[in-house]
Amino acid sequence: VSARCAALWRALRSFQDMFLVSARCAAWWRALRSLEGIASGLGALRR
């Protein structure tokens, strides 16, 4: 494997890791937002 190919592979791997991390963060954010919505809905029902 040439050096350029290895560098490209490393860049691809780091980009993939970044994408996975951002996707996981987005999933967590959506879950938190939906939990917030459920909690506020329950609070409204309780009133």
N, C-alpha and C. Protein backbone atom coordinates (compact mmCIF):
# COMPACT_ATOMS: atom_id res chain seq x y z
N VAL A 1 0.85 -1.20 0.00
CA VAL A 1 0.00 0.00 0.00
C VAL A 1 0.88 1.24 0.00
N SER A 2 0.63 2.15 -0.91
CA SER A 2 1.43 3.37 -0.99
C SER A 2 1.06 4.33 0.13
N ALA A 3 1.94 5.29 0.37
CA ALA A 3 1.73 6.25 1.45
C ALA A 3 0.48 7.09 1.19
N ARG A 4 0.29 7.47 -0.07
CA ARG A 4 -0.88 8.30 -0.40
C ARG A 4 -2.17 7.53 -0.13
N CYS A 5 -2.16 6.26 -0.49
CA CYS A 5 -3.34 5.41 -0.28
C CYS A 5 -3.62 5.27 1.22
N ALA A 6 -2.56 5.09 2.00
CA ALA A 6 -2.71 4.95 3.45
C ALA A 6 -3.27 6.24 4.05
N ALA A 7 -2.76 7.38 3.58
CA ALA A 7 -3.24 8.67 4.09
C ALA A 7 -4.71 8.86 3.75
N LEU A 8 -5.07 8.49 2.52
CA LEU A 8 -6.46 8.62 2.08
C LEU A 8 -7.36 7.73 2.94
N TRP A 9 -6.88 6.50 3.21
CA TRP A 9 -7.64 5.56 4.02
C TRP A 9 -7.85 6.11 5.43
N ARG A 10 -6.77 6.69 6.00
CA ARG A 10 -6.88 7.28 7.34
C ARG A 10 -7.89 8.41 7.35
N ALA A 11 -7.84 9.26 6.32
CA ALA A 11 -8.78 10.38 6.23
C ALA A 11 -10.22 9.86 6.14
N LEU A 12 -10.41 8.82 5.33
CA LEU A 12 -11.74 8.23 5.18
C LEU A 12 -12.23 7.68 6.52
N ARG A 13 -11.34 6.99 7.22
CA ARG A 13 -11.70 6.41 8.51
C ARG A 13 -12.09 7.49 9.52
N SER A 14 -11.30 8.57 9.58
CA SER A 14 -11.60 9.64 10.53
C SER A 14 -12.91 10.33 10.16
N PHE A 15 -13.15 10.49 8.85
CA PHE A 15 -14.40 11.10 8.39
C PHE A 15 -15.58 10.22 8.79
N GLN A 16 -15.41 8.89 8.63
CA GLN A 16 -16.46 7.95 8.99
C GLN A 16 -16.74 8.01 10.49
N ASP A 17 -15.67 8.09 11.30
CA ASP A 17 -15.84 8.19 12.75
C ASP A 17 -16.60 9.46 13.11
N MET A 18 -16.23 10.58 12.45
CA MET A 18 -16.89 11.85 12.69
C MET A 18 -18.38 11.73 12.38
N PHE A 19 -18.67 11.09 11.22
CA PHE A 19 -20.06 10.92 10.79
C PHE A 19 -20.83 10.09 11.81
N LEU A 20 -20.21 8.99 12.28
CA LEU A 20 -20.87 8.12 13.26
C LEU A 20 -21.14 8.88 14.55
N VAL A 21 -20.16 9.64 15.01
CA VAL A 21 -20.32 10.41 16.25
C VAL A 21 -21.45 11.42 16.11
N SER A 22 -21.47 12.15 14.98
CA SER A 22 -22.51 13.16 14.78
C SER A 22 -23.89 12.50 14.67
N ALA A 23 -23.95 11.32 14.03
CA ALA A 23 -25.22 10.61 13.90
C ALA A 23 -25.71 10.17 15.28
N ARG A 24 -24.77 9.68 16.11
CA ARG A 24 -25.14 9.25 17.45
C ARG A 24 -25.63 10.44 18.28
N CYS A 25 -24.94 11.58 18.13
CA CYS A 25 -25.35 12.79 18.85
C CYS A 25 -26.75 13.21 18.42
N ALA A 26 -27.01 13.13 17.11
CA ALA A 26 -28.33 13.51 16.59
C ALA A 26 -29.40 12.58 17.15
N ALA A 27 -29.09 11.29 17.23
CA ALA A 27 -30.06 10.32 17.75
C ALA A 27 -30.35 10.61 19.22
N TRP A 28 -29.28 10.89 19.99
CA TRP A 28 -29.45 11.22 21.41
C TRP A 28 -30.31 12.47 21.55
N TRP A 29 -30.01 13.49 20.70
CA TRP A 29 -30.73 14.75 20.77
C TRP A 29 -32.22 14.53 20.49
N ARG A 30 -32.52 13.72 19.45
CA ARG A 30 -33.91 13.43 19.12
C ARG A 30 -34.60 12.72 20.28
N ALA A 31 -33.91 11.75 20.90
CA ALA A 31 -34.49 11.00 22.02
C ALA A 31 -34.79 11.95 23.18
N LEU A 32 -33.83 12.84 23.47
CA LEU A 32 -34.03 13.80 24.56
C LEU A 32 -35.22 14.71 24.26
N ARG A 33 -35.30 15.19 23.02
CA ARG A 33 -36.39 16.09 22.64
C ARG A 33 -37.74 15.38 22.76
N SER A 34 -37.81 14.12 22.33
CA SER A 34 -39.07 13.39 22.39
C SER A 34 -39.46 13.12 23.85
N LEU A 35 -38.44 12.82 24.69
CA LEU A 35 -38.72 12.62 26.12
C LEU A 35 -39.25 13.91 26.72
N GLU A 36 -38.65 15.03 26.31
CA GLU A 36 -39.10 16.34 26.78
C GLU A 36 -40.55 16.57 26.38
N GLY A 37 -40.86 16.22 25.13
CA GLY A 37 -42.22 16.39 24.63
C GLY A 37 -43.20 15.52 25.41
N ILE A 38 -42.81 14.28 25.69
CA ILE A 38 -43.66 13.36 26.46
C ILE A 38 -43.88 13.91 27.87
N ALA A 39 -42.80 14.40 28.48
CA ALA A 39 -42.89 14.93 29.85
C ALA A 39 -43.81 16.15 29.88
N SER A 40 -43.68 17.04 28.90
CA SER A 40 -44.53 18.24 28.88
C SER A 40 -45.98 17.84 28.61
N GLY A 41 -46.17 16.80 27.78
CA GLY A 41 -47.52 16.32 27.50
C GLY A 41 -48.17 15.76 28.76
N LEU A 42 -47.39 14.99 29.53
CA LEU A 42 -47.90 14.44 30.79
C LEU A 42 -48.22 15.56 31.76
N GLY A 43 -47.35 16.58 31.80
CA GLY A 43 -47.58 17.72 32.68
C GLY A 43 -48.86 18.44 32.31
N ALA A 44 -49.11 18.57 31.00
CA ALA A 44 -50.33 19.24 30.53
C ALA A 44 -51.55 18.41 30.91
N LEU A 45 -51.43 17.07 30.80
CA LEU A 45 -52.54 16.19 31.17
C LEU A 45 -52.84 16.31 32.66
N ARG A 46 -51.78 16.43 33.46
CA ARG A 46 -51.94 16.48 34.90
C ARG A 46 -52.67 17.76 35.31
N ARG A 47 -52.42 18.86 34.55
CA ARG A 47 -53.10 20.10 34.87
C ARG A 47 -54.54 19.95 34.52
